Amino acid sequence: MKNLIASRNYRYFVMAISGADHSAGSLHFQGRAFDVDEVNGVRISGDSATARGFMDACRALGAIEVFGPSNDPAGHYDHLHCGW
């Protein structure tokens, strides 16, 4: 997570790591995923360039699960999920 700040200059609000409502076997419960609902002071609310940029940064840093409004609008319309 710190690499998103150091290498990509993102500020973000983590809303869940291992808590909240996640399915069994989720990377959240292994401490390998987090959900974000705000990036650079902008709340995630539908698809946006900010959301897509953050998702791309997660992928560039090796994330194997990246979900958000652009690729899972039903489940991730108001937050981003990045998992390693």
N, C-alpha and C. Protein backbone atom coordinates (compact mmCIF):
# COMPACT_ATOMS: atom_id res chain seq x y z
N MET A 1 0.82 -1.18 0.00
CA MET A 1 0.00 0.00 0.00
C MET A 1 0.87 1.26 0.00
N LYS A 2 1.94 1.22 0.73
CA LYS A 2 2.79 2.41 0.78
C LYS A 2 3.41 2.71 -0.57
N ASN A 3 3.58 1.70 -1.43
CA ASN A 3 4.15 1.94 -2.76
C ASN A 3 3.23 2.79 -3.62
N LEU A 4 1.93 2.73 -3.39
CA LEU A 4 1.00 3.57 -4.15
C LEU A 4 1.23 5.04 -3.82
N ILE A 5 1.65 5.31 -2.61
CA ILE A 5 1.94 6.69 -2.22
C ILE A 5 3.32 7.09 -2.72
N ALA A 6 4.31 6.24 -2.45
CA ALA A 6 5.70 6.58 -2.77
C ALA A 6 5.96 6.66 -4.27
N SER A 7 5.51 5.67 -5.03
CA SER A 7 5.86 5.63 -6.45
C SER A 7 4.82 6.29 -7.34
N ARG A 8 3.59 6.40 -6.89
CA ARG A 8 2.52 6.93 -7.75
C ARG A 8 1.92 8.23 -7.23
N ASN A 9 2.33 8.64 -6.04
CA ASN A 9 1.85 9.88 -5.44
C ASN A 9 0.33 9.91 -5.26
N TYR A 10 -0.25 8.80 -4.83
CA TYR A 10 -1.67 8.74 -4.54
C TYR A 10 -1.92 8.94 -3.06
N ARG A 11 -2.97 9.65 -2.74
CA ARG A 11 -3.52 9.72 -1.38
C ARG A 11 -4.85 8.99 -1.45
N TYR A 12 -5.10 8.11 -0.50
CA TYR A 12 -6.33 7.32 -0.57
C TYR A 12 -6.80 6.92 0.81
N PHE A 13 -8.09 6.62 0.90
CA PHE A 13 -8.71 6.22 2.16
C PHE A 13 -9.07 4.74 2.08
N VAL A 14 -8.44 3.93 2.93
CA VAL A 14 -8.74 2.50 2.98
C VAL A 14 -9.97 2.30 3.85
N MET A 15 -11.01 1.72 3.28
CA MET A 15 -12.25 1.49 4.03
C MET A 15 -12.34 0.08 4.60
N ALA A 16 -11.55 -0.86 4.08
CA ALA A 16 -11.60 -2.24 4.60
C ALA A 16 -10.33 -2.98 4.23
N ILE A 17 -9.84 -3.76 5.18
CA ILE A 17 -8.77 -4.71 4.90
C ILE A 17 -9.31 -6.09 5.24
N SER A 18 -9.34 -6.44 6.52
CA SER A 18 -9.80 -7.78 6.88
C SER A 18 -11.20 -7.79 7.45
N GLY A 19 -11.76 -6.63 7.73
CA GLY A 19 -13.11 -6.58 8.26
C GLY A 19 -14.13 -6.46 7.16
N ALA A 20 -15.27 -5.93 7.49
CA ALA A 20 -16.38 -5.70 6.55
C ALA A 20 -16.96 -7.02 6.05
N ASP A 21 -17.73 -6.96 5.00
CA ASP A 21 -18.44 -8.12 4.48
C ASP A 21 -17.76 -8.62 3.22
N HIS A 22 -16.99 -9.69 3.36
CA HIS A 22 -16.29 -10.27 2.22
C HIS A 22 -16.54 -11.77 2.18
N SER A 23 -16.45 -12.34 0.99
CA SER A 23 -16.73 -13.77 0.83
C SER A 23 -15.62 -14.62 1.43
N ALA A 24 -15.97 -15.85 1.77
CA ALA A 24 -14.99 -16.80 2.31
C ALA A 24 -13.87 -16.99 1.30
N GLY A 25 -12.66 -17.07 1.75
CA GLY A 25 -11.51 -17.24 0.87
C GLY A 25 -11.00 -15.96 0.26
N SER A 26 -11.62 -14.83 0.61
CA SER A 26 -11.21 -13.54 0.07
C SER A 26 -9.78 -13.22 0.49
N LEU A 27 -9.05 -12.55 -0.39
CA LEU A 27 -7.70 -12.09 -0.06
C LEU A 27 -7.71 -11.11 1.11
N HIS A 28 -8.87 -10.51 1.39
CA HIS A 28 -8.97 -9.61 2.54
C HIS A 28 -8.60 -10.33 3.83
N PHE A 29 -9.09 -11.55 3.99
CA PHE A 29 -8.87 -12.29 5.23
C PHE A 29 -7.45 -12.81 5.36
N GLN A 30 -6.70 -12.76 4.28
CA GLN A 30 -5.28 -13.11 4.31
C GLN A 30 -4.42 -11.85 4.49
N GLY A 31 -5.07 -10.70 4.59
CA GLY A 31 -4.34 -9.44 4.70
C GLY A 31 -3.66 -9.03 3.42
N ARG A 32 -4.18 -9.53 2.28
CA ARG A 32 -3.54 -9.28 0.99
C ARG A 32 -4.39 -8.43 0.05
N ALA A 33 -5.47 -7.84 0.58
CA ALA A 33 -6.34 -7.00 -0.24
C ALA A 33 -6.89 -5.86 0.60
N PHE A 34 -7.23 -4.78 -0.07
CA PHE A 34 -7.88 -3.66 0.61
C PHE A 34 -8.87 -3.00 -0.33
N ASP A 35 -9.84 -2.31 0.26
CA ASP A 35 -10.83 -1.55 -0.48
C ASP A 35 -10.62 -0.07 -0.20
N VAL A 36 -10.79 0.73 -1.23
CA VAL A 36 -10.56 2.17 -1.17
C VAL A 36 -11.82 2.87 -1.66
N ASP A 37 -12.29 3.87 -0.91
CA ASP A 37 -13.47 4.60 -1.39
C ASP A 37 -13.19 6.08 -1.68
N GLU A 38 -11.92 6.48 -1.56
CA GLU A 38 -11.55 7.85 -1.88
C GLU A 38 -10.10 7.88 -2.36
N VAL A 39 -9.87 8.56 -3.48
CA VAL A 39 -8.52 8.70 -4.04
C VAL A 39 -8.26 10.17 -4.33
N ASN A 40 -7.17 10.68 -3.79
CA ASN A 40 -6.78 12.09 -3.98
C ASN A 40 -7.92 13.06 -3.67
N GLY A 41 -8.65 12.75 -2.59
CA GLY A 41 -9.74 13.61 -2.15
C GLY A 41 -11.03 13.46 -2.91
N VAL A 42 -11.10 12.52 -3.85
CA VAL A 42 -12.31 12.31 -4.66
C VAL A 42 -12.94 10.98 -4.27
N ARG A 43 -14.22 11.02 -3.85
CA ARG A 43 -14.94 9.79 -3.51
C ARG A 43 -15.19 8.98 -4.78
N ILE A 44 -15.06 7.67 -4.66
CA ILE A 44 -15.34 6.79 -5.78
C ILE A 44 -16.85 6.68 -5.92
N SER A 45 -17.36 7.07 -7.06
CA SER A 45 -18.79 7.03 -7.32
C SER A 45 -18.98 6.86 -8.82
N GLY A 46 -18.92 5.62 -9.27
CA GLY A 46 -18.99 5.35 -10.70
C GLY A 46 -17.62 5.41 -11.33
N ASP A 47 -17.59 5.11 -12.61
CA ASP A 47 -16.33 5.05 -13.36
C ASP A 47 -15.76 6.46 -13.53
N SER A 48 -14.44 6.59 -13.39
CA SER A 48 -13.79 7.88 -13.57
C SER A 48 -12.33 7.66 -13.93
N ALA A 49 -11.69 8.69 -14.45
CA ALA A 49 -10.26 8.61 -14.76
C ALA A 49 -9.45 8.37 -13.49
N THR A 50 -9.86 8.97 -12.39
CA THR A 50 -9.16 8.77 -11.12
C THR A 50 -9.22 7.31 -10.70
N ALA A 51 -10.40 6.72 -10.77
CA ALA A 51 -10.56 5.31 -10.39
C ALA A 51 -9.74 4.41 -11.30
N ARG A 52 -9.83 4.63 -12.60
CA ARG A 52 -9.08 3.80 -13.54
C ARG A 52 -7.57 3.95 -13.34
N GLY A 53 -7.10 5.16 -13.06
CA GLY A 53 -5.68 5.38 -12.82
C GLY A 53 -5.18 4.65 -11.59
N PHE A 54 -5.97 4.68 -10.53
CA PHE A 54 -5.59 3.97 -9.30
C PHE A 54 -5.57 2.46 -9.55
N MET A 55 -6.56 1.97 -10.27
CA MET A 55 -6.61 0.54 -10.60
C MET A 55 -5.39 0.15 -11.43
N ASP A 56 -5.03 0.97 -12.40
CA ASP A 56 -3.83 0.70 -13.22
C ASP A 56 -2.57 0.68 -12.36
N ALA A 57 -2.50 1.59 -11.37
CA ALA A 57 -1.33 1.63 -10.48
C ALA A 57 -1.25 0.35 -9.65
N CYS A 58 -2.38 -0.15 -9.18
CA CYS A 58 -2.39 -1.42 -8.44
C CYS A 58 -1.88 -2.55 -9.32
N ARG A 59 -2.36 -2.61 -10.55
CA ARG A 59 -1.89 -3.66 -11.48
C ARG A 59 -0.39 -3.54 -11.72
N ALA A 60 0.09 -2.33 -11.92
CA ALA A 60 1.52 -2.11 -12.18
C ALA A 60 2.38 -2.55 -11.00
N LEU A 61 1.80 -2.53 -9.81
CA LEU A 61 2.52 -2.96 -8.61
C LEU A 61 2.28 -4.44 -8.29
N GLY A 62 1.65 -5.16 -9.23
CA GLY A 62 1.52 -6.61 -9.10
C GLY A 62 0.21 -7.13 -8.57
N ALA A 63 -0.80 -6.29 -8.41
CA ALA A 63 -2.10 -6.77 -7.92
C ALA A 63 -2.68 -7.79 -8.89
N ILE A 64 -3.23 -8.87 -8.33
CA ILE A 64 -3.84 -9.92 -9.15
C ILE A 64 -5.36 -9.83 -9.16
N GLU A 65 -5.92 -9.05 -8.25
CA GLU A 65 -7.36 -8.76 -8.23
C GLU A 65 -7.51 -7.25 -8.20
N VAL A 66 -8.18 -6.72 -9.21
CA VAL A 66 -8.43 -5.28 -9.26
C VAL A 66 -9.85 -5.08 -9.78
N PHE A 67 -10.72 -4.58 -8.91
CA PHE A 67 -12.12 -4.37 -9.27
C PHE A 67 -12.52 -2.94 -8.95
N GLY A 68 -13.44 -2.44 -9.74
CA GLY A 68 -13.97 -1.09 -9.53
C GLY A 68 -15.17 -0.89 -10.42
N PRO A 69 -15.67 0.34 -10.48
CA PRO A 69 -16.86 0.63 -11.28
C PRO A 69 -16.71 0.28 -12.76
N SER A 70 -15.50 0.33 -13.29
CA SER A 70 -15.33 0.09 -14.73
C SER A 70 -15.39 -1.39 -15.10
N ASN A 71 -15.10 -2.31 -14.16
CA ASN A 71 -15.12 -3.72 -14.53
C ASN A 71 -16.02 -4.58 -13.64
N ASP A 72 -16.64 -4.00 -12.61
CA ASP A 72 -17.60 -4.71 -11.77
C ASP A 72 -18.57 -3.70 -11.17
N PRO A 73 -19.39 -3.06 -12.02
CA PRO A 73 -20.24 -1.99 -11.53
C PRO A 73 -21.28 -2.44 -10.51
N ALA A 74 -21.69 -3.69 -10.52
CA ALA A 74 -22.69 -4.16 -9.57
C ALA A 74 -22.11 -4.28 -8.16
N GLY A 75 -20.89 -4.80 -8.06
CA GLY A 75 -20.31 -5.06 -6.76
C GLY A 75 -19.34 -4.01 -6.26
N HIS A 76 -18.80 -3.20 -7.16
CA HIS A 76 -17.77 -2.23 -6.77
C HIS A 76 -18.07 -0.85 -7.37
N TYR A 77 -19.31 -0.44 -7.31
CA TYR A 77 -19.71 0.84 -7.90
C TYR A 77 -19.23 2.04 -7.08
N ASP A 78 -18.95 1.81 -5.77
CA ASP A 78 -18.58 2.93 -4.92
C ASP A 78 -17.23 2.76 -4.23
N HIS A 79 -16.46 1.77 -4.67
CA HIS A 79 -15.12 1.57 -4.10
C HIS A 79 -14.26 0.75 -5.05
N LEU A 80 -12.97 0.75 -4.77
CA LEU A 80 -12.00 -0.01 -5.56
C LEU A 80 -11.44 -1.12 -4.69
N HIS A 81 -11.14 -2.25 -5.29
CA HIS A 81 -10.57 -3.40 -4.59
C HIS A 81 -9.26 -3.75 -5.27
N CYS A 82 -8.19 -3.84 -4.49
CA CYS A 82 -6.89 -4.27 -5.01
C CYS A 82 -6.37 -5.38 -4.11
N GLY A 83 -5.99 -6.50 -4.73
CA GLY A 83 -5.49 -7.63 -3.96
C GLY A 83 -4.25 -8.23 -4.58
N TRP A 84 -3.35 -8.67 -3.72
CA TRP A 84 -2.09 -9.25 -4.15
C TRP A 84 -1.97 -10.69 -3.71
